[in-house]
């Protein structure tokens, strides 16, 4: 009889322990994701092609997060007729792409993704996260940003902070047509809370340019940056941001 009385109590204790773990604010399945994409598309064949496009830099070096970018990074993803080089233009790092020709079906597409799992949450795990709230000086961005301007956009939940800018892009080719250039880098932190609630925060930086007819050398591409988008817990927030554009 005594054992029967203890059985419901034991079940209740186990349930409470389980629920306390489920509703804990400590994250599980914590991981980071960096993505980087570059696309250059042409509607018709072009010849004697040269592009100079901004590439992501962290500090003073080309990088996607902690991973450095080299010429081989691009060579492995480009067709053989396209020659990449990393060059400095007025102190900034640019990707130079040259080719004797480009066909519409041979457009440039570079795609990179880095997924890193943080197996166990602890104070030591915090520095391994992407600084999505304060990416300036801490994460990979495109430079130089000109006419950098805060903007207000209020769609969605926790939309973050928005900025617009222009960034110089160089293009030369013959047989003018429409060419579209776009590039984007993103950083995301993601984890699980409670039963199965996926939580995340992110930053992103992108620029786009559409050229119609003969290119004009250096041209301003439209850029947009978002930081601090998503949910932030107390254990992640750094109260001392670095907001220098550079």
C-alpha atoms as a PDB file:
ATOM      1  CA  UNK A   1       0.000   0.000   0.000  1.00  0.00           C
ATOM      2  CA  UNK A   2       2.835   2.305   0.912  1.00  0.00           C
ATOM      3  CA  UNK A   3       4.473   1.636  -2.466  1.00  0.00           C
ATOM      4  CA  UNK A   4       1.236   2.444  -4.280  1.00  0.00           C
ATOM      5  CA  UNK A   5       1.081   5.844  -2.553  1.00  0.00           C
ATOM      6  CA  UNK A   6       4.650   6.624  -3.553  1.00  0.00           C
ATOM      7  CA  UNK A   7       4.127   5.798  -7.224  1.00  0.00           C
ATOM      8  CA  UNK A   8       2.040   8.896  -8.154  1.00  0.00           C
ATOM      9  CA  UNK A   9       4.435  11.096  -6.204  1.00  0.00           C
ATOM     10  CA  UNK A  10       7.413   9.655  -8.095  1.00  0.00           C
ATOM     11  CA  UNK A  11       5.672  10.237 -11.429  1.00  0.00           C
ATOM     12  CA  UNK A  12       4.948  13.860 -10.414  1.00  0.00           C
ATOM     13  CA  UNK A  13       8.586  14.473  -9.439  1.00  0.00           C
ATOM     14  CA  UNK A  14       9.850  13.058 -12.745  1.00  0.00           C
ATOM     15  CA  UNK A  15       7.362  15.189 -14.675  1.00  0.00           C
ATOM     16  CA  UNK A  16       8.421  18.339 -12.820  1.00  0.00           C
ATOM     17  CA  UNK A  17      12.094  17.640 -13.491  1.00  0.00           C
ATOM     18  CA  UNK A  18      11.339  17.056 -17.177  1.00  0.00           C
ATOM     19  CA  UNK A  19       9.250  20.216 -17.505  1.00  0.00           C
ATOM     20  CA  UNK A  20      11.810  22.354 -15.677  1.00  0.00           C
ATOM     21  CA  UNK A  21      14.391  21.218 -18.220  1.00  0.00           C
ATOM     22  CA  UNK A  22      12.058  21.894 -21.142  1.00  0.00           C
ATOM     23  CA  UNK A  23      11.234  25.408 -19.983  1.00  0.00           C
ATOM     24  CA  UNK A  24      14.814  26.277 -19.101  1.00  0.00           C
ATOM     25  CA  UNK A  25      16.171  29.338 -20.887  1.00  0.00           C
ATOM     26  CA  UNK A  26      19.505  27.602 -21.366  1.00  0.00           C
ATOM     27  CA  UNK A  27      19.855  26.932 -25.105  1.00  0.00           C
ATOM     28  CA  UNK A  28      20.454  23.584 -26.732  1.00  0.00           C
ATOM     29  CA  UNK A  29      21.533  22.636 -30.257  1.00  0.00           C
ATOM     30  CA  UNK A  30      23.367  25.961 -30.450  1.00  0.00           C
ATOM     31  CA  UNK A  31      25.055  26.613 -33.807  1.00  0.00           C
ATOM     32  CA  UNK A  32      26.252  29.353 -36.161  1.00  0.00           C
ATOM     33  CA  UNK A  33      25.840  29.710 -39.920  1.00  0.00           C
ATOM     34  CA  UNK A  34      27.753  31.959 -42.318  1.00  0.00           C
ATOM     35  CA  UNK A  35      26.652  32.214 -45.954  1.00  0.00           C
ATOM     36  CA  UNK A  36      28.221  34.163 -48.816  1.00  0.00           C
ATOM     37  CA  UNK A  37      26.983  34.464 -52.379  1.00  0.00           C
ATOM     38  CA  UNK A  38      28.164  36.318 -55.477  1.00  0.00           C
ATOM     39  CA  UNK A  39      26.265  36.332 -58.779  1.00  0.00           C
ATOM     40  CA  UNK A  40      27.057  38.033 -62.074  1.00  0.00           C
ATOM     41  CA  UNK A  41      24.589  37.280 -64.869  1.00  0.00           C
ATOM     42  CA  UNK A  42      24.479  38.434 -68.458  1.00  0.00           C
ATOM     43  CA  UNK A  43      21.520  38.214 -70.838  1.00  0.00           C
ATOM     44  CA  UNK A  44      23.725  37.776 -73.911  1.00  0.00           C
ATOM     45  CA  UNK A  45      27.372  36.953 -74.759  1.00  0.00           C
ATOM     46  CA  UNK A  46      29.922  39.638 -73.786  1.00  0.00           C
ATOM     47  CA  UNK A  47      33.654  39.885 -74.553  1.00  0.00           C
ATOM     48  CA  UNK A  48      36.874  41.297 -73.030  1.00  0.00           C
ATOM     49  CA  UNK A  49      35.315  41.227 -69.588  1.00  0.00           C
ATOM     50  CA  UNK A  50      36.683  42.865 -66.424  1.00  0.00           C
ATOM     51  CA  UNK A  51      34.815  43.196 -63.135  1.00  0.00           C
ATOM     52  CA  UNK A  52      36.012  44.624 -59.824  1.00  0.00           C
ATOM     53  CA  UNK A  53      33.577  43.788 -57.044  1.00  0.00           C
ATOM     54  CA  UNK A  54      33.807  44.212 -53.250  1.00  0.00           C
ATOM     55  CA  UNK A  55      34.430  41.011 -51.335  1.00  0.00           C
ATOM     56  CA  UNK A  56      33.688  40.394 -47.650  1.00  0.00           C
ATOM     57  CA  UNK A  57      36.431  41.507 -45.313  1.00  0.00           C
ATOM     58  CA  UNK A  58      36.938  41.083 -41.593  1.00  0.00           C
ATOM     59  CA  UNK A  59      39.353  43.635 -40.261  1.00  0.00           C
ATOM     60  CA  UNK A  60      41.787  44.131 -43.115  1.00  0.00           C
ATOM     61  CA  UNK A  61      41.654  40.678 -44.658  1.00  0.00           C
ATOM     62  CA  UNK A  62      39.225  38.933 -47.017  1.00  0.00           C
ATOM     63  CA  UNK A  63      37.236  36.460 -44.952  1.00  0.00           C
ATOM     64  CA  UNK A  64      33.846  34.900 -44.347  1.00  0.00           C
ATOM     65  CA  UNK A  65      33.689  34.845 -40.568  1.00  0.00           C
ATOM     66  CA  UNK A  66      36.852  33.117 -39.285  1.00  0.00           C
ATOM     67  CA  UNK A  67      37.600  31.530 -42.691  1.00  0.00           C
ATOM     68  CA  UNK A  68      40.053  33.482 -44.893  1.00  0.00           C
ATOM     69  CA  UNK A  69      39.251  33.974 -48.583  1.00  0.00           C
ATOM     70  CA  UNK A  70      41.968  33.247 -51.133  1.00  0.00           C
ATOM     71  CA  UNK A  71      42.090  33.181 -54.926  1.00  0.00           C
ATOM     72  CA  UNK A  72      41.658  29.392 -54.781  1.00  0.00           C
ATOM     73  CA  UNK A  73      38.355  29.910 -52.963  1.00  0.00           C
ATOM     74  CA  UNK A  74      37.014  31.521 -56.154  1.00  0.00           C
ATOM     75  CA  UNK A  75      38.935  29.452 -58.704  1.00  0.00           C
ATOM     76  CA  UNK A  76      37.281  26.261 -57.446  1.00  0.00           C
ATOM     77  CA  UNK A  77      33.822  27.672 -58.228  1.00  0.00           C
ATOM     78  CA  UNK A  78      34.439  29.501 -61.526  1.00  0.00           C
ATOM     79  CA  UNK A  79      34.600  28.272 -65.088  1.00  0.00           C
ATOM     80  CA  UNK A  80      38.083  27.908 -66.570  1.00  0.00           C
ATOM     81  CA  UNK A  81      37.814  30.976 -68.813  1.00  0.00           C
ATOM     82  CA  UNK A  82      37.376  33.312 -65.795  1.00  0.00           C
ATOM     83  CA  UNK A  83      40.514  34.415 -63.934  1.00  0.00           C
ATOM     84  CA  UNK A  84      40.118  35.695 -60.349  1.00  0.00           C
ATOM     85  CA  UNK A  85      42.544  37.902 -58.414  1.00  0.00           C
ATOM     86  CA  UNK A  86      42.334  39.718 -55.078  1.00  0.00           C
ATOM     87  CA  UNK A  87      43.601  43.284 -55.436  1.00  0.00           C
ATOM     88  CA  UNK A  88      43.701  46.498 -53.418  1.00  0.00           C
ATOM     89  CA  UNK A  89      41.838  49.551 -54.673  1.00  0.00           C
ATOM     90  CA  UNK A  90      42.441  52.694 -52.625  1.00  0.00           C
ATOM     91  CA  UNK A  91      43.180  50.600 -49.547  1.00  0.00           C
ATOM     92  CA  UNK A  92      40.189  48.279 -49.907  1.00  0.00           C
ATOM     93  CA  UNK A  93      40.129  44.626 -50.950  1.00  0.00           C
ATOM     94  CA  UNK A  94      38.398  43.853 -54.253  1.00  0.00           C
ATOM     95  CA  UNK A  95      37.837  40.738 -56.297  1.00  0.00           C
ATOM     96  CA  UNK A  96      38.958  41.199 -59.909  1.00  0.00           C
ATOM     97  CA  UNK A  97      37.423  38.870 -62.490  1.00  0.00           C
ATOM     98  CA  UNK A  98      38.666  38.842 -66.086  1.00  0.00           C
ATOM     99  CA  UNK A  99      37.566  36.717 -69.010  1.00  0.00           C
ATOM    100  CA  UNK A 100      37.906  36.799 -72.810  1.00  0.00           C
ATOM    101  CA  UNK A 101      34.155  36.081 -73.001  1.00  0.00           C
ATOM    102  CA  UNK A 102      31.081  35.245 -70.934  1.00  0.00           C
ATOM    103  CA  UNK A 103      27.974  33.459 -72.186  1.00  0.00           C
ATOM    104  CA  UNK A 104      24.527  33.689 -70.642  1.00  0.00           C
ATOM    105  CA  UNK A 105      24.757  30.038 -69.559  1.00  0.00           C
ATOM    106  CA  UNK A 106      28.224  30.606 -68.101  1.00  0.00           C
ATOM    107  CA  UNK A 107      27.342  33.302 -65.603  1.00  0.00           C
ATOM    108  CA  UNK A 108      29.349  33.653 -62.401  1.00  0.00           C
ATOM    109  CA  UNK A 109      27.916  32.055 -59.271  1.00  0.00           C
ATOM    110  CA  UNK A 110      29.923  31.682 -56.062  1.00  0.00           C
ATOM    111  CA  UNK A 111      28.152  30.071 -53.101  1.00  0.00           C
ATOM    112  CA  UNK A 112      29.609  29.311 -49.653  1.00  0.00           C
ATOM    113  CA  UNK A 113      28.090  28.033 -46.390  1.00  0.00           C
ATOM    114  CA  UNK A 114      29.782  27.367 -43.053  1.00  0.00           C
ATOM    115  CA  UNK A 115      27.810  25.543 -40.346  1.00  0.00           C
ATOM    116  CA  UNK A 116      29.434  25.233 -36.910  1.00  0.00           C
ATOM    117  CA  UNK A 117      27.819  23.325 -34.058  1.00  0.00           C
ATOM    118  CA  UNK A 118      28.520  24.357 -30.452  1.00  0.00           C
ATOM    119  CA  UNK A 119      27.966  21.094 -28.616  1.00  0.00           C
ATOM    120  CA  UNK A 120      27.390  22.336 -25.069  1.00  0.00           C
ATOM    121  CA  UNK A 121      26.280  25.745 -23.845  1.00  0.00           C
ATOM    122  CA  UNK A 122      28.607  27.418 -21.343  1.00  0.00           C
ATOM    123  CA  UNK A 123      30.179  30.863 -20.814  1.00  0.00           C
ATOM    124  CA  UNK A 124      33.069  29.696 -22.981  1.00  0.00           C
ATOM    125  CA  UNK A 125      30.644  29.232 -25.887  1.00  0.00           C
ATOM    126  CA  UNK A 126      29.587  32.908 -26.034  1.00  0.00           C
ATOM    127  CA  UNK A 127      32.747  34.172 -27.843  1.00  0.00           C
ATOM    128  CA  UNK A 128      32.168  31.511 -30.522  1.00  0.00           C
ATOM    129  CA  UNK A 129      28.860  33.106 -31.525  1.00  0.00           C
ATOM    130  CA  UNK A 130      28.539  35.534 -34.438  1.00  0.00           C
ATOM    131  CA  UNK A 131      28.303  39.155 -33.309  1.00  0.00           C
ATOM    132  CA  UNK A 132      25.088  39.811 -35.202  1.00  0.00           C
ATOM    133  CA  UNK A 133      24.221  42.840 -33.070  1.00  0.00           C
ATOM    134  CA  UNK A 134      27.549  44.685 -33.510  1.00  0.00           C
ATOM    135  CA  UNK A 135      29.135  43.394 -36.754  1.00  0.00           C
ATOM    136  CA  UNK A 136      31.268  46.498 -37.442  1.00  0.00           C
ATOM    137  CA  UNK A 137      34.868  45.635 -36.628  1.00  0.00           C
ATOM    138  CA  UNK A 138      33.820  42.141 -35.540  1.00  0.00           C
ATOM    139  CA  UNK A 139      32.326  40.373 -38.566  1.00  0.00           C
ATOM    140  CA  UNK A 140      32.686  40.180 -42.350  1.00  0.00           C
ATOM    141  CA  UNK A 141      31.186  43.118 -44.268  1.00  0.00           C
ATOM    142  CA  UNK A 142      31.512  44.817 -47.654  1.00  0.00           C
ATOM    143  CA  UNK A 143      33.584  48.012 -47.948  1.00  0.00           C
ATOM    144  CA  UNK A 144      33.838  50.862 -48.713  1.00  0.00           C
ATOM    145  CA  UNK A 145      30.372  51.933 -47.616  1.00  0.00           C
ATOM    146  CA  UNK A 146      29.511  55.411 -48.917  1.00  0.00           C
ATOM    147  CA  UNK A 147      26.504  57.541 -47.917  1.00  0.00           C
ATOM    148  CA  UNK A 148      25.855  55.120 -45.070  1.00  0.00           C
ATOM    149  CA  UNK A 149      22.414  56.045 -43.715  1.00  0.00           C
ATOM    150  CA  UNK A 150      20.177  54.523 -40.999  1.00  0.00           C
ATOM    151  CA  UNK A 151      16.634  53.757 -42.191  1.00  0.00           C
ATOM    152  CA  UNK A 152      13.451  52.670 -40.453  1.00  0.00           C
ATOM    153  CA  UNK A 153      11.699  49.440 -41.391  1.00  0.00           C
ATOM    154  CA  UNK A 154       9.188  47.959 -38.987  1.00  0.00           C
ATOM    155  CA  UNK A 155       7.850  44.841 -40.698  1.00  0.00           C
ATOM    156  CA  UNK A 156       7.955  41.520 -38.872  1.00  0.00           C
ATOM    157  CA  UNK A 157       8.946  40.763 -35.280  1.00  0.00           C
ATOM    158  CA  UNK A 158      12.309  42.070 -33.988  1.00  0.00           C
ATOM    159  CA  UNK A 159      13.342  43.376 -37.431  1.00  0.00           C
ATOM    160  CA  UNK A 160      16.641  44.884 -36.260  1.00  0.00           C
ATOM    161  CA  UNK A 161      18.499  47.977 -37.486  1.00  0.00           C
ATOM    162  CA  UNK A 162      18.544  48.861 -41.197  1.00  0.00           C
ATOM    163  CA  UNK A 163      21.058  50.910 -43.196  1.00  0.00           C
ATOM    164  CA  UNK A 164      21.398  51.853 -46.856  1.00  0.00           C
ATOM    165  CA  UNK A 165      24.600  52.808 -48.657  1.00  0.00           C
ATOM    166  CA  UNK A 166      26.316  52.836 -52.037  1.00  0.00           C
ATOM    167  CA  UNK A 167      29.491  50.945 -52.897  1.00  0.00           C
ATOM    168  CA  UNK A 168      31.742  51.275 -55.982  1.00  0.00           C
ATOM    169  CA  UNK A 169      31.736  48.447 -58.537  1.00  0.00           C
ATOM    170  CA  UNK A 170      33.803  48.417 -61.757  1.00  0.00           C
ATOM    171  CA  UNK A 171      32.683  46.812 -65.006  1.00  0.00           C
ATOM    172  CA  UNK A 172      34.051  46.762 -68.531  1.00  0.00           C
ATOM    173  CA  UNK A 173      32.970  44.543 -71.416  1.00  0.00           C
ATOM    174  CA  UNK A 174      32.137  44.745 -75.101  1.00  0.00           C
ATOM    175  CA  UNK A 175      28.838  44.004 -76.858  1.00  0.00           C
ATOM    176  CA  UNK A 176      26.731  45.852 -74.321  1.00  0.00           C
ATOM    177  CA  UNK A 177      23.713  44.096 -72.849  1.00  0.00           C
ATOM    178  CA  UNK A 178      22.074  43.818 -69.445  1.00  0.00           C
ATOM    179  CA  UNK A 179      24.361  42.548 -66.678  1.00  0.00           C
ATOM    180  CA  UNK A 180      23.245  42.017 -63.080  1.00  0.00           C
ATOM    181  CA  UNK A 181      25.721  41.934 -60.195  1.00  0.00           C
ATOM    182  CA  UNK A 182      24.705  40.983 -56.656  1.00  0.00           C
ATOM    183  CA  UNK A 183      26.452  39.766 -53.547  1.00  0.00           C
ATOM    184  CA  UNK A 184      25.358  39.007 -49.980  1.00  0.00           C
ATOM    185  CA  UNK A 185      26.856  37.782 -46.725  1.00  0.00           C
ATOM    186  CA  UNK A 186      24.831  36.584 -43.728  1.00  0.00           C
ATOM    187  CA  UNK A 187      25.606  35.475 -40.205  1.00  0.00           C
ATOM    188  CA  UNK A 188      23.065  33.577 -38.072  1.00  0.00           C
ATOM    189  CA  UNK A 189      23.045  32.242 -34.507  1.00  0.00           C
ATOM    190  CA  UNK A 190      20.390  29.592 -33.865  1.00  0.00           C
ATOM    191  CA  UNK A 191      19.348  27.411 -30.934  1.00  0.00           C
ATOM    192  CA  UNK A 192      16.417  25.598 -29.298  1.00  0.00           C
ATOM    193  CA  UNK A 193      14.541  26.638 -26.155  1.00  0.00           C
ATOM    194  CA  UNK A 194      11.710  24.957 -24.209  1.00  0.00           C
ATOM    195  CA  UNK A 195      10.223  21.962 -26.058  1.00  0.00           C
ATOM    196  CA  UNK A 196      11.120  22.731 -29.666  1.00  0.00           C
ATOM    197  CA  UNK A 197      11.145  26.521 -30.056  1.00  0.00           C
ATOM    198  CA  UNK A 198      13.819  27.475 -32.585  1.00  0.00           C
ATOM    199  CA  UNK A 199      15.285  30.912 -31.762  1.00  0.00           C
ATOM    200  CA  UNK A 200      17.715  32.899 -33.920  1.00  0.00           C
ATOM    201  CA  UNK A 201      19.302  36.260 -34.603  1.00  0.00           C
ATOM    202  CA  UNK A 202      21.227  37.489 -37.625  1.00  0.00           C
ATOM    203  CA  UNK A 203      22.966  40.182 -39.585  1.00  0.00           C
ATOM    204  CA  UNK A 204      23.250  40.577 -43.341  1.00  0.00           C
ATOM    205  CA  UNK A 205      25.011  42.809 -45.855  1.00  0.00           C
ATOM    206  CA  UNK A 206      24.298  42.937 -49.600  1.00  0.00           C
ATOM    207  CA  UNK A 207      24.717  45.077 -52.707  1.00  0.00           C
ATOM    208  CA  UNK A 208      23.119  44.985 -56.173  1.00  0.00           C
ATOM    209  CA  UNK A 209      23.789  46.642 -59.510  1.00  0.00           C
ATOM    210  CA  UNK A 210      22.033  46.322 -62.868  1.00  0.00           C
ATOM    211  CA  UNK A 211      23.940  47.602 -65.928  1.00  0.00           C
ATOM    212  CA  UNK A 212      22.066  48.245 -69.154  1.00  0.00           C
ATOM    213  CA  UNK A 213      24.044  48.841 -72.336  1.00  0.00           C
ATOM    214  CA  UNK A 214      27.743  49.733 -72.268  1.00  0.00           C
ATOM    215  CA  UNK A 215      29.261  49.861 -68.758  1.00  0.00           C
ATOM    216  CA  UNK A 216      30.645  53.144 -67.449  1.00  0.00           C
ATOM    217  CA  UNK A 217      33.696  51.934 -65.488  1.00  0.00           C
ATOM    218  CA  UNK A 218      33.165  52.635 -61.780  1.00  0.00           C
ATOM    219  CA  UNK A 219      29.470  52.699 -60.864  1.00  0.00           C
ATOM    220  CA  UNK A 220      27.577  52.930 -57.547  1.00  0.00           C
ATOM    221  CA  UNK A 221      25.822  49.741 -56.468  1.00  0.00           C
ATOM    222  CA  UNK A 222      22.947  49.960 -53.994  1.00  0.00           C
ATOM    223  CA  UNK A 223      23.730  48.385 -50.621  1.00  0.00           C
ATOM    224  CA  UNK A 224      21.641  47.397 -47.626  1.00  0.00           C
ATOM    225  CA  UNK A 225      22.814  46.190 -44.228  1.00  0.00           C
ATOM    226  CA  UNK A 226      20.753  44.753 -41.364  1.00  0.00           C
ATOM    227  CA  UNK A 227      22.077  44.064 -37.879  1.00  0.00           C
ATOM    228  CA  UNK A 228      20.426  42.904 -34.687  1.00  0.00           C
ATOM    229  CA  UNK A 229      17.529  41.103 -36.362  1.00  0.00           C
ATOM    230  CA  UNK A 230      15.848  38.439 -34.242  1.00  0.00           C
ATOM    231  CA  UNK A 231      15.826  37.477 -30.566  1.00  0.00           C
ATOM    232  CA  UNK A 232      18.616  38.253 -28.083  1.00  0.00           C
ATOM    233  CA  UNK A 233      18.976  36.751 -24.631  1.00  0.00           C
ATOM    234  CA  UNK A 234      20.801  38.375 -21.741  1.00  0.00           C
ATOM    235  CA  UNK A 235      23.668  35.882 -21.979  1.00  0.00           C
ATOM    236  CA  UNK A 236      24.441  36.999 -25.553  1.00  0.00           C
ATOM    237  CA  UNK A 237      24.180  40.806 -25.515  1.00  0.00           C
ATOM    238  CA  UNK A 238      27.383  42.858 -25.352  1.00  0.00           C
ATOM    239  CA  UNK A 239      26.684  46.361 -23.976  1.00  0.00           C
ATOM    240  CA  UNK A 240      29.688  47.958 -25.713  1.00  0.00           C
ATOM    241  CA  UNK A 241      29.089  48.036 -29.482  1.00  0.00           C
ATOM    242  CA  UNK A 242      31.568  49.053 -32.161  1.00  0.00           C
ATOM    243  CA  UNK A 243      29.605  51.090 -34.736  1.00  0.00           C
ATOM    244  CA  UNK A 244      32.449  52.507 -36.831  1.00  0.00           C
ATOM    245  CA  UNK A 245      31.691  52.190 -40.531  1.00  0.00           C
ATOM    246  CA  UNK A 246      35.251  52.637 -41.781  1.00  0.00           C
END
